Amino acid sequence: MAQRKNPAILFGYRLYVLAFFIFLAAPLLAAGLFAFNDSLFPTLPWRGFTLNWFFNDTEPQLGMFHDRRLLRGLYYSSIIAIMVSVLSVFVGTCNAFLFVRGNFPAKNFFYILMVIPLVIPGVILGISILVLASSMANSVENAFDIDLGMLRPGIFLVVLGQFSFITTITSLVITARLKKFDETMEEAAFNLGASRIRVLRTVTLPFLFPAMFAAGIVSFLVSFENFNTTLFLVGSEAPLTITMYDRMVKVGSTPVLNAVSFFLMVGSALLALLSIVAQRDKSGT
């Protein structure tokens, strides 16, 4: 006979869950709400519904789609996120094969070494990469009078900094998928005369594709919203997070930043939903 649950405990649990989701959703709802407020400040009272903070092309209510600096930041964020995603998925796939199929000394040690960047604060990663890259650039310039601009703050260092920990995420996601793979499918293909490359292209990678696609979306989102690591490595090509931070510091909070936040929330939700759909097996399991 099942034990009856204490009504007080059940009520407390439900209250906690409700409070937890309110705590998560309230700031997002407030940010989205003030993106449509016909006011110069993202505060109450409500002045009326407007789309000016998205589409208006004149001051003082210059919309985000006409704000050149915000659009430039959006462009740089997209370029960086795409580069990081492609690199992370490629290296993550290689890591998955290495740690699932490979057999080499100190395998567990190197696996732990791969996971470590996830627990290192982004600030520490950013500072470490900046110091290392700057030291290398200065040493080469002093010794050979060659300026390695790529090792100075800019897009390359931002990509390198984000790649250093995002590739761990893609590696774990793709590794988990590869562990479920039935290797007898590859053996059957080999017995039918298929080459290793063809087996990889027609059997293994199609099985891994949902995880690779989902890992790519996750890495894109993590890269796009990254701030801590990016702050120390950015140059003149400031991505959107740095641009918004700079606007907040110099001008203060304005509804156009709420409009950008709402746009990013909707875009992130759609990509996250696409990631979930991509990981579902066709069988529905």
C-alpha atoms as a PDB file:
ATOM      1  CA  MET A   1       0.000   0.000   0.000  1.00  0.00           C
ATOM      2  CA  ALA A   2       1.461   3.346  -1.032  1.00  0.00           C
ATOM      3  CA  GLN A   3       2.318   5.706   1.803  1.00  0.00           C
ATOM      4  CA  ARG A   4       0.128   8.804   1.860  1.00  0.00           C
ATOM      5  CA  LYS A   5       2.048  12.035   1.392  1.00  0.00           C
ATOM      6  CA  ASN A   6       1.878  14.724   4.035  1.00  0.00           C
ATOM      7  CA  PRO A   7      -0.405  17.531   2.708  1.00  0.00           C
ATOM      8  CA  ALA A   8       1.763  20.208   4.327  1.00  0.00           C
ATOM      9  CA  ILE A   9       4.932  18.888   2.666  1.00  0.00           C
ATOM     10  CA  LEU A  10       3.179  18.590  -0.686  1.00  0.00           C
ATOM     11  CA  PHE A  11       1.856  22.152  -0.400  1.00  0.00           C
ATOM     12  CA  GLY A  12       5.289  23.450   0.563  1.00  0.00           C
ATOM     13  CA  TYR A  13       6.884  21.654  -2.378  1.00  0.00           C
ATOM     14  CA  ARG A  14       4.379  23.120  -4.837  1.00  0.00           C
ATOM     15  CA  LEU A  15       4.828  26.572  -3.334  1.00  0.00           C
ATOM     16  CA  TYR A  16       8.605  26.253  -3.701  1.00  0.00           C
ATOM     17  CA  VAL A  17       8.337  25.191  -7.351  1.00  0.00           C
ATOM     18  CA  LEU A  18       5.959  28.088  -8.069  1.00  0.00           C
ATOM     19  CA  ALA A  19       8.278  30.587  -6.363  1.00  0.00           C
ATOM     20  CA  PHE A  20      11.263  29.162  -8.233  1.00  0.00           C
ATOM     21  CA  PHE A  21       9.670  29.638 -11.645  1.00  0.00           C
ATOM     22  CA  ILE A  22       8.396  33.100 -10.709  1.00  0.00           C
ATOM     23  CA  PHE A  23      11.940  34.021  -9.689  1.00  0.00           C
ATOM     24  CA  LEU A  24      13.220  32.848 -13.082  1.00  0.00           C
ATOM     25  CA  ALA A  25      10.446  34.290 -15.214  1.00  0.00           C
ATOM     26  CA  ALA A  26       9.746  37.640 -13.536  1.00  0.00           C
ATOM     27  CA  PRO A  27      12.900  39.466 -14.770  1.00  0.00           C
ATOM     28  CA  LEU A  28      12.381  38.117 -18.287  1.00  0.00           C
ATOM     29  CA  LEU A  29       8.747  39.163 -18.336  1.00  0.00           C
ATOM     30  CA  ALA A  30       9.624  42.630 -17.036  1.00  0.00           C
ATOM     31  CA  ALA A  31      12.363  43.080 -19.659  1.00  0.00           C
ATOM     32  CA  GLY A  32      10.023  41.967 -22.429  1.00  0.00           C
ATOM     33  CA  LEU A  33       7.152  44.123 -21.190  1.00  0.00           C
ATOM     34  CA  PHE A  34       9.118  47.372 -21.099  1.00  0.00           C
ATOM     35  CA  ALA A  35      10.354  46.762 -24.647  1.00  0.00           C
ATOM     36  CA  PHE A  36       6.835  47.765 -25.743  1.00  0.00           C
ATOM     37  CA  ASN A  37       6.332  50.686 -23.370  1.00  0.00           C
ATOM     38  CA  ASP A  38       5.926  54.081 -25.079  1.00  0.00           C
ATOM     39  CA  SER A  39       8.301  55.794 -22.671  1.00  0.00           C
ATOM     40  CA  LEU A  40      11.921  56.934 -22.720  1.00  0.00           C
ATOM     41  CA  PHE A  41      12.620  54.970 -19.555  1.00  0.00           C
ATOM     42  CA  PRO A  42      12.011  51.258 -18.836  1.00  0.00           C
ATOM     43  CA  THR A  43       9.924  51.960 -15.755  1.00  0.00           C
ATOM     44  CA  LEU A  44       6.341  52.309 -14.678  1.00  0.00           C
ATOM     45  CA  PRO A  45       3.863  53.836 -15.274  1.00  0.00           C
ATOM     46  CA  TRP A  46       2.765  52.267 -18.525  1.00  0.00           C
ATOM     47  CA  ARG A  47       2.599  54.933 -21.252  1.00  0.00           C
ATOM     48  CA  GLY A  48       1.009  52.817 -23.962  1.00  0.00           C
ATOM     49  CA  PHE A  49       1.953  50.067 -26.403  1.00  0.00           C
ATOM     50  CA  THR A  50       4.535  50.823 -29.104  1.00  0.00           C
ATOM     51  CA  LEU A  51       6.891  49.092 -31.514  1.00  0.00           C
ATOM     52  CA  ASN A  52       9.139  52.135 -31.788  1.00  0.00           C
ATOM     53  CA  TRP A  53      11.937  50.524 -29.785  1.00  0.00           C
ATOM     54  CA  PHE A  54      12.168  47.914 -32.546  1.00  0.00           C
ATOM     55  CA  PHE A  55      11.417  49.744 -35.799  1.00  0.00           C
ATOM     56  CA  ASN A  56      11.465  53.518 -35.287  1.00  0.00           C
ATOM     57  CA  ASP A  57      14.206  55.291 -37.270  1.00  0.00           C
ATOM     58  CA  THR A  58      14.390  58.620 -35.432  1.00  0.00           C
ATOM     59  CA  GLU A  59      15.556  59.849 -32.062  1.00  0.00           C
ATOM     60  CA  PRO A  60      14.736  59.848 -29.214  1.00  0.00           C
ATOM     61  CA  GLN A  61      13.017  56.468 -29.740  1.00  0.00           C
ATOM     62  CA  LEU A  62      15.552  54.984 -32.123  1.00  0.00           C
ATOM     63  CA  GLY A  63      14.655  51.323 -32.645  1.00  0.00           C
ATOM     64  CA  MET A  64      17.153  48.484 -32.401  1.00  0.00           C
ATOM     65  CA  PHE A  65      16.845  47.655 -36.121  1.00  0.00           C
ATOM     66  CA  HIS A  66      17.995  51.201 -36.970  1.00  0.00           C
ATOM     67  CA  ASP A  67      20.689  51.507 -34.311  1.00  0.00           C
ATOM     68  CA  ARG A  68      23.917  50.971 -36.236  1.00  0.00           C
ATOM     69  CA  ARG A  69      26.020  50.237 -33.191  1.00  0.00           C
ATOM     70  CA  LEU A  70      23.645  47.568 -31.909  1.00  0.00           C
ATOM     71  CA  LEU A  71      23.354  46.037 -35.378  1.00  0.00           C
ATOM     72  CA  ARG A  72      27.137  45.999 -35.699  1.00  0.00           C
ATOM     73  CA  GLY A  73      27.363  44.240 -32.334  1.00  0.00           C
ATOM     74  CA  LEU A  74      24.726  41.744 -33.456  1.00  0.00           C
ATOM     75  CA  TYR A  75      26.756  41.082 -36.620  1.00  0.00           C
ATOM     76  CA  TYR A  76      30.009  40.484 -34.731  1.00  0.00           C
ATOM     77  CA  SER A  77      28.252  38.260 -32.183  1.00  0.00           C
ATOM     78  CA  SER A  78      26.761  36.170 -35.001  1.00  0.00           C
ATOM     79  CA  ILE A  79      30.120  35.816 -36.795  1.00  0.00           C
ATOM     80  CA  ILE A  80      31.916  34.834 -33.588  1.00  0.00           C
ATOM     81  CA  ALA A  81      29.166  32.386 -32.558  1.00  0.00           C
ATOM     82  CA  ILE A  82      29.161  30.688 -35.969  1.00  0.00           C
ATOM     83  CA  MET A  83      32.947  30.307 -35.958  1.00  0.00           C
ATOM     84  CA  VAL A  84      32.960  28.958 -32.406  1.00  0.00           C
ATOM     85  CA  SER A  85      30.105  26.553 -33.175  1.00  0.00           C
ATOM     86  CA  VAL A  86      31.771  25.094 -36.272  1.00  0.00           C
ATOM     87  CA  LEU A  87      35.123  24.654 -34.536  1.00  0.00           C
ATOM     88  CA  SER A  88      33.582  23.271 -31.346  1.00  0.00           C
ATOM     89  CA  VAL A  89      31.415  20.708 -33.142  1.00  0.00           C
ATOM     90  CA  PHE A  90      34.334  19.540 -35.286  1.00  0.00           C
ATOM     91  CA  VAL A  91      36.739  19.198 -32.363  1.00  0.00           C
ATOM     92  CA  GLY A  92      33.986  17.829 -30.132  1.00  0.00           C
ATOM     93  CA  THR A  93      33.278  15.075 -32.670  1.00  0.00           C
ATOM     94  CA  CYS A  94      36.979  14.218 -32.846  1.00  0.00           C
ATOM     95  CA  ASN A  95      37.139  14.133 -29.041  1.00  0.00           C
ATOM     96  CA  ALA A  96      34.131  11.837 -28.909  1.00  0.00           C
ATOM     97  CA  PHE A  97      35.796   9.296 -31.190  1.00  0.00           C
ATOM     98  CA  LEU A  98      39.065   9.678 -29.285  1.00  0.00           C
ATOM     99  CA  PHE A  99      37.610   8.974 -25.848  1.00  0.00           C
ATOM    100  CA  VAL A 100      34.988   6.400 -26.890  1.00  0.00           C
ATOM    101  CA  ARG A 101      36.909   4.421 -29.491  1.00  0.00           C
ATOM    102  CA  GLY A 102      40.501   5.247 -28.554  1.00  0.00           C
ATOM    103  CA  ASN A 103      42.703   3.275 -26.180  1.00  0.00           C
ATOM    104  CA  PHE A 104      45.814   5.114 -25.043  1.00  0.00           C
ATOM    105  CA  PRO A 105      47.799   5.731 -21.842  1.00  0.00           C
ATOM    106  CA  ALA A 106      46.383   8.181 -19.269  1.00  0.00           C
ATOM    107  CA  LYS A 107      43.043   8.274 -21.100  1.00  0.00           C
ATOM    108  CA  ASN A 108      41.083   9.149 -17.947  1.00  0.00           C
ATOM    109  CA  PHE A 109      43.546  11.912 -17.093  1.00  0.00           C
ATOM    110  CA  PHE A 110      43.128  13.550 -20.498  1.00  0.00           C
ATOM    111  CA  TYR A 111      39.351  13.187 -20.255  1.00  0.00           C
ATOM    112  CA  ILE A 112      39.378  15.071 -16.946  1.00  0.00           C
ATOM    113  CA  LEU A 113      41.709  17.632 -18.511  1.00  0.00           C
ATOM    114  CA  MET A 114      39.139  18.162 -21.282  1.00  0.00           C
ATOM    115  CA  VAL A 115      36.352  18.777 -18.751  1.00  0.00           C
ATOM    116  CA  ILE A 116      38.293  21.197 -16.526  1.00  0.00           C
ATOM    117  CA  PRO A 117      37.526  24.362 -18.591  1.00  0.00           C
ATOM    118  CA  LEU A 118      33.866  24.025 -17.622  1.00  0.00           C
ATOM    119  CA  VAL A 119      34.674  24.654 -13.947  1.00  0.00           C
ATOM    120  CA  ILE A 120      37.171  27.471 -14.514  1.00  0.00           C
ATOM    121  CA  PRO A 121      35.544  30.928 -14.162  1.00  0.00           C
ATOM    122  CA  GLY A 122      35.224  32.762 -17.469  1.00  0.00           C
ATOM    123  CA  VAL A 123      37.098  35.738 -16.026  1.00  0.00           C
ATOM    124  CA  ILE A 124      40.131  33.553 -15.278  1.00  0.00           C
ATOM    125  CA  LEU A 125      40.020  32.040 -18.770  1.00  0.00           C
ATOM    126  CA  GLY A 126      39.829  35.469 -20.380  1.00  0.00           C
ATOM    127  CA  ILE A 127      42.704  36.925 -18.360  1.00  0.00           C
ATOM    128  CA  SER A 128      44.883  33.826 -18.851  1.00  0.00           C
ATOM    129  CA  ILE A 129      44.418  33.757 -22.619  1.00  0.00           C
ATOM    130  CA  LEU A 130      44.988  37.510 -22.877  1.00  0.00           C
ATOM    131  CA  VAL A 131      48.220  37.357 -20.861  1.00  0.00           C
ATOM    132  CA  LEU A 132      49.535  34.332 -22.781  1.00  0.00           C
ATOM    133  CA  ALA A 133      48.661  35.733 -26.216  1.00  0.00           C
ATOM    134  CA  SER A 134      50.036  39.192 -25.418  1.00  0.00           C
ATOM    135  CA  SER A 135      53.261  37.722 -24.043  1.00  0.00           C
ATOM    136  CA  MET A 136      53.740  35.614 -27.171  1.00  0.00           C
ATOM    137  CA  ALA A 137      53.010  38.577 -29.460  1.00  0.00           C
ATOM    138  CA  ASN A 138      55.405  40.837 -27.563  1.00  0.00           C
ATOM    139  CA  SER A 139      58.169  38.199 -27.572  1.00  0.00           C
ATOM    140  CA  VAL A 140      57.881  37.624 -31.332  1.00  0.00           C
ATOM    141  CA  GLU A 141      57.774  41.351 -32.007  1.00  0.00           C
ATOM    142  CA  ASN A 142      60.861  42.027 -29.868  1.00  0.00           C
ATOM    143  CA  ALA A 143      62.819  39.110 -31.314  1.00  0.00           C
ATOM    144  CA  PHE A 144      61.870  39.259 -34.995  1.00  0.00           C
ATOM    145  CA  ASP A 145      60.164  42.665 -35.375  1.00  0.00           C
ATOM    146  CA  ILE A 146      56.980  40.904 -36.541  1.00  0.00           C
ATOM    147  CA  ASP A 147      53.616  42.122 -35.287  1.00  0.00           C
ATOM    148  CA  LEU A 148      51.264  39.190 -34.718  1.00  0.00           C
ATOM    149  CA  GLY A 149      48.039  41.165 -34.747  1.00  0.00           C
ATOM    150  CA  MET A 150      45.946  38.025 -34.378  1.00  0.00           C
ATOM    151  CA  LEU A 151      47.326  37.608 -30.842  1.00  0.00           C
ATOM    152  CA  ARG A 152      46.132  41.065 -29.863  1.00  0.00           C
ATOM    153  CA  PRO A 153      42.599  41.642 -28.507  1.00  0.00           C
ATOM    154  CA  GLY A 154      40.108  41.044 -31.317  1.00  0.00           C
ATOM    155  CA  ILE A 155      37.840  38.487 -32.926  1.00  0.00           C
ATOM    156  CA  PHE A 156      40.500  35.761 -33.101  1.00  0.00           C
ATOM    157  CA  LEU A 157      41.175  35.878 -29.356  1.00  0.00           C
ATOM    158  CA  VAL A 158      37.442  36.044 -28.579  1.00  0.00           C
ATOM    159  CA  VAL A 159      36.870  32.915 -30.683  1.00  0.00           C
ATOM    160  CA  LEU A 160      39.839  31.200 -29.035  1.00  0.00           C
ATOM    161  CA  GLY A 161      38.651  32.115 -25.554  1.00  0.00           C
ATOM    162  CA  GLN A 162      35.099  30.912 -26.089  1.00  0.00           C
ATOM    163  CA  PHE A 163      36.266  27.815 -27.947  1.00  0.00           C
ATOM    164  CA  SER A 164      38.438  26.835 -24.965  1.00  0.00           C
ATOM    165  CA  PHE A 165      35.400  25.916 -22.844  1.00  0.00           C
ATOM    166  CA  ILE A 166      32.536  25.547 -25.320  1.00  0.00           C
ATOM    167  CA  THR A 167      34.297  22.664 -27.065  1.00  0.00           C
ATOM    168  CA  THR A 168      34.004  20.772 -23.768  1.00  0.00           C
ATOM    169  CA  ILE A 169      30.220  21.075 -23.946  1.00  0.00           C
ATOM    170  CA  THR A 170      30.046  19.790 -27.517  1.00  0.00           C
ATOM    171  CA  SER A 171      32.462  16.968 -26.665  1.00  0.00           C
ATOM    172  CA  LEU A 172      30.266  15.750 -23.805  1.00  0.00           C
ATOM    173  CA  VAL A 173      27.058  15.944 -25.860  1.00  0.00           C
ATOM    174  CA  ILE A 174      28.479  14.080 -28.865  1.00  0.00           C
ATOM    175  CA  THR A 175      30.313  11.558 -26.676  1.00  0.00           C
ATOM    176  CA  ALA A 176      27.060  10.643 -24.944  1.00  0.00           C
ATOM    177  CA  ARG A 177      25.462   9.987 -28.341  1.00  0.00           C
ATOM    178  CA  LEU A 178      28.390   7.953 -29.652  1.00  0.00           C
ATOM    179  CA  LYS A 179      28.293   5.674 -26.604  1.00  0.00           C
ATOM    180  CA  LYS A 180      24.778   4.597 -27.673  1.00  0.00           C
ATOM    181  CA  PHE A 181      25.933   3.611 -31.150  1.00  0.00           C
ATOM    182  CA  ASP A 182      25.731  -0.083 -32.095  1.00  0.00           C
ATOM    183  CA  GLU A 183      29.117  -0.850 -33.640  1.00  0.00           C
ATOM    184  CA  THR A 184      27.730  -3.966 -35.323  1.00  0.00           C
ATOM    185  CA  MET A 185      26.171  -1.609 -37.870  1.00  0.00           C
ATOM    186  CA  GLU A 186      29.654  -0.531 -38.915  1.00  0.00           C
ATOM    187  CA  GLU A 187      30.843  -4.141 -38.997  1.00  0.00           C
ATOM    188  CA  ALA A 188      27.949  -5.053 -41.279  1.00  0.00           C
ATOM    189  CA  ALA A 189      28.854  -2.217 -43.628  1.00  0.00           C
ATOM    190  CA  PHE A 190      32.509  -3.326 -43.682  1.00  0.00           C
ATOM    191  CA  ASN A 191      31.434  -6.897 -44.491  1.00  0.00           C
ATOM    192  CA  LEU A 192      29.453  -5.543 -47.449  1.00  0.00           C
ATOM    193  CA  GLY A 193      32.629  -3.992 -48.829  1.00  0.00           C
ATOM    194  CA  ALA A 194      32.215  -0.361 -47.745  1.00  0.00           C
ATOM    195  CA  SER A 195      35.360   1.643 -47.109  1.00  0.00           C
ATOM    196  CA  ARG A 196      36.059   3.274 -43.738  1.00  0.00           C
ATOM    197  CA  ILE A 197      35.295   6.739 -45.112  1.00  0.00           C
ATOM    198  CA  ARG A 198      32.010   5.583 -46.600  1.00  0.00           C
ATOM    199  CA  VAL A 199      30.987   3.866 -43.367  1.00  0.00           C
ATOM    200  CA  LEU A 200      31.754   7.052 -41.481  1.00  0.00           C
ATOM    201  CA  ARG A 201      29.804   9.148 -43.974  1.00  0.00           C
ATOM    202  CA  THR A 202      26.762   6.910 -44.409  1.00  0.00           C
ATOM    203  CA  VAL A 203      26.438   5.073 -41.080  1.00  0.00           C
ATOM    204  CA  THR A 204      28.222   6.716 -38.154  1.00  0.00           C
ATOM    205  CA  LEU A 205      27.873  10.433 -38.839  1.00  0.00           C
ATOM    206  CA  PRO A 206      24.136  10.232 -39.697  1.00  0.00           C
ATOM    207  CA  PHE A 207      23.638   8.594 -36.294  1.00  0.00           C
ATOM    208  CA  LEU A 208      25.653  11.355 -34.615  1.00  0.00           C
ATOM    209  CA  PHE A 209      24.075  14.191 -36.586  1.00  0.00           C
ATOM    210  CA  PRO A 210      21.225  14.971 -34.112  1.00  0.00           C
ATOM    211  CA  ALA A 211      23.755  15.368 -31.300  1.00  0.00           C
ATOM    212  CA  MET A 212      26.130  17.354 -33.519  1.00  0.00           C
ATOM    213  CA  PHE A 213      23.305  19.659 -34.594  1.00  0.00           C
ATOM    214  CA  ALA A 214      22.077  20.137 -31.037  1.00  0.00           C
ATOM    215  CA  ALA A 215      25.629  20.719 -29.795  1.00  0.00           C
ATOM    216  CA  GLY A 216      26.089  23.318 -32.528  1.00  0.00           C
ATOM    217  CA  ILE A 217      22.981  25.205 -31.423  1.00  0.00           C
ATOM    218  CA  VAL A 218      23.998  25.069 -27.765  1.00  0.00           C
ATOM    219  CA  SER A 219      27.510  26.289 -28.566  1.00  0.00           C
ATOM    220  CA  PHE A 220      26.045  29.103 -30.701  1.00  0.00           C
ATOM    221  CA  LEU A 221      23.810  30.257 -27.843  1.00  0.00           C
ATOM    222  CA  VAL A 222      26.553  30.007 -25.215  1.00  0.00           C
ATOM    223  CA  SER A 223      28.964  31.915 -27.455  1.00  0.00           C
ATOM    224  CA  PHE A 224      26.405  34.566 -28.382  1.00  0.00           C
ATOM    225  CA  GLU A 225      25.571  35.439 -24.772  1.00  0.00           C
ATOM    226  CA  ASN A 226      29.063  35.075 -23.326  1.00  0.00           C
ATOM    227  CA  PHE A 227      30.308  38.143 -21.488  1.00  0.00           C
ATOM    228  CA  ASN A 228      32.925  37.292 -18.845  1.00  0.00           C
ATOM    229  CA  THR A 229      35.539  35.754 -21.127  1.00  0.00           C
ATOM    230  CA  THR A 230      34.762  38.028 -24.067  1.00  0.00           C
ATOM    231  CA  LEU A 231      35.187  41.213 -22.017  1.00  0.00           C
ATOM    232  CA  PHE A 232      38.934  40.627 -21.611  1.00  0.00           C
ATOM    233  CA  LEU A 233      39.622  39.557 -25.199  1.00  0.00           C
ATOM    234  CA  VAL A 234      37.520  41.962 -27.249  1.00  0.00           C
ATOM    235  CA  GLY A 235      39.044  44.564 -29.537  1.00  0.00           C
ATOM    236  CA  SER A 236      37.348  47.193 -31.670  1.00  0.00           C
ATOM    237  CA  GLU A 237      34.901  44.602 -33.069  1.00  0.00           C
ATOM    238  CA  ALA A 238      32.688  44.540 -29.984  1.00  0.00           C
ATOM    239  CA  PRO A 239      29.977  41.829 -29.957  1.00  0.00           C
ATOM    240  CA  LEU A 240      26.454  42.562 -28.781  1.00  0.00           C
ATOM    241  CA  THR A 241      26.930  41.709 -25.098  1.00  0.00           C
ATOM    242  CA  ILE A 242      29.851  44.133 -24.796  1.00  0.00           C
ATOM    243  CA  THR A 243      27.998  46.791 -26.795  1.00  0.00           C
ATOM    244  CA  MET A 244      24.968  46.532 -24.508  1.00  0.00           C
ATOM    245  CA  TYR A 245      27.168  46.692 -21.422  1.00  0.00           C
ATOM    246  CA  ASP A 246      28.956  49.771 -22.744  1.00  0.00           C
ATOM    247  CA  ARG A 247      25.612  51.424 -23.550  1.00  0.00           C
ATOM    248  CA  MET A 248      24.333  50.607 -20.072  1.00  0.00           C
ATOM    249  CA  VAL A 249      27.397  52.127 -18.400  1.00  0.00           C
ATOM    250  CA  LYS A 250      27.493  55.313 -20.487  1.00  0.00           C
ATOM    251  CA  VAL A 251      23.798  56.030 -21.063  1.00  0.00           C
ATOM    252  CA  GLY A 252      21.950  53.894 -18.557  1.00  0.00           C
ATOM    253  CA  SER A 253      19.075  51.516 -19.058  1.00  0.00           C
ATOM    254  CA  THR A 254      16.819  52.386 -21.999  1.00  0.00           C
ATOM    255  CA  PRO A 255      13.868  50.540 -23.549  1.00  0.00           C
ATOM    256  CA  VAL A 256      15.924  49.787 -26.669  1.00  0.00           C
ATOM    257  CA  LEU A 257      18.072  47.462 -24.537  1.00  0.00           C
ATOM    258  CA  ASN A 258      14.859  45.790 -23.413  1.00  0.00           C
ATOM    259  CA  ALA A 259      13.912  45.409 -27.067  1.00  0.00           C
ATOM    260  CA  VAL A 260      17.243  43.730 -27.780  1.00  0.00           C
ATOM    261  CA  SER A 261      16.752  41.480 -24.750  1.00  0.00           C
ATOM    262  CA  PHE A 262      13.266  40.494 -25.923  1.00  0.00           C
ATOM    263  CA  PHE A 263      14.597  39.760 -29.419  1.00  0.00           C
ATOM    264  CA  LEU A 264      17.357  37.568 -27.974  1.00  0.00           C
ATOM    265  CA  MET A 265      14.954  35.768 -25.635  1.00  0.00           C
ATOM    266  CA  VAL A 266      12.650  34.833 -28.504  1.00  0.00           C
ATOM    267  CA  GLY A 267      15.548  33.797 -30.728  1.00  0.00           C
ATOM    268  CA  SER A 268      17.177  31.736 -27.980  1.00  0.00           C
ATOM    269  CA  ALA A 269      13.901  30.009 -27.142  1.00  0.00           C
ATOM    270  CA  LEU A 270      13.341  29.059 -30.783  1.00  0.00           C
ATOM    271  CA  LEU A 271      16.888  27.715 -31.154  1.00  0.00           C
ATOM    272  CA  ALA A 272      16.613  25.800 -27.880  1.00  0.00           C
ATOM    273  CA  LEU A 273      13.344  24.254 -29.054  1.00  0.00           C
ATOM    274  CA  LEU A 274      15.003  23.320 -32.345  1.00  0.00           C
ATOM    275  CA  SER A 275      17.838  21.714 -30.385  1.00  0.00           C
ATOM    276  CA  ILE A 276      15.391  19.601 -28.368  1.00  0.00           C
ATOM    277  CA  VAL A 277      13.558  18.484 -31.506  1.00  0.00           C
ATOM    278  CA  ALA A 278      16.843  17.583 -33.215  1.00  0.00           C
ATOM    279  CA  GLN A 279      17.879  15.290 -30.349  1.00  0.00           C
ATOM    280  CA  ARG A 280      14.664  13.278 -30.404  1.00  0.00           C
ATOM    281  CA  ASP A 281      15.023   9.890 -32.002  1.00  0.00           C
ATOM    282  CA  LYS A 282      12.756   9.191 -34.935  1.00  0.00           C
ATOM    283  CA  SER A 283      11.365   6.284 -33.013  1.00  0.00           C
ATOM    284  CA  GLY A 284      10.151   8.722 -30.357  1.00  0.00           C
ATOM    285  CA  THR A 285      12.223   7.157 -27.582  1.00  0.00           C
END
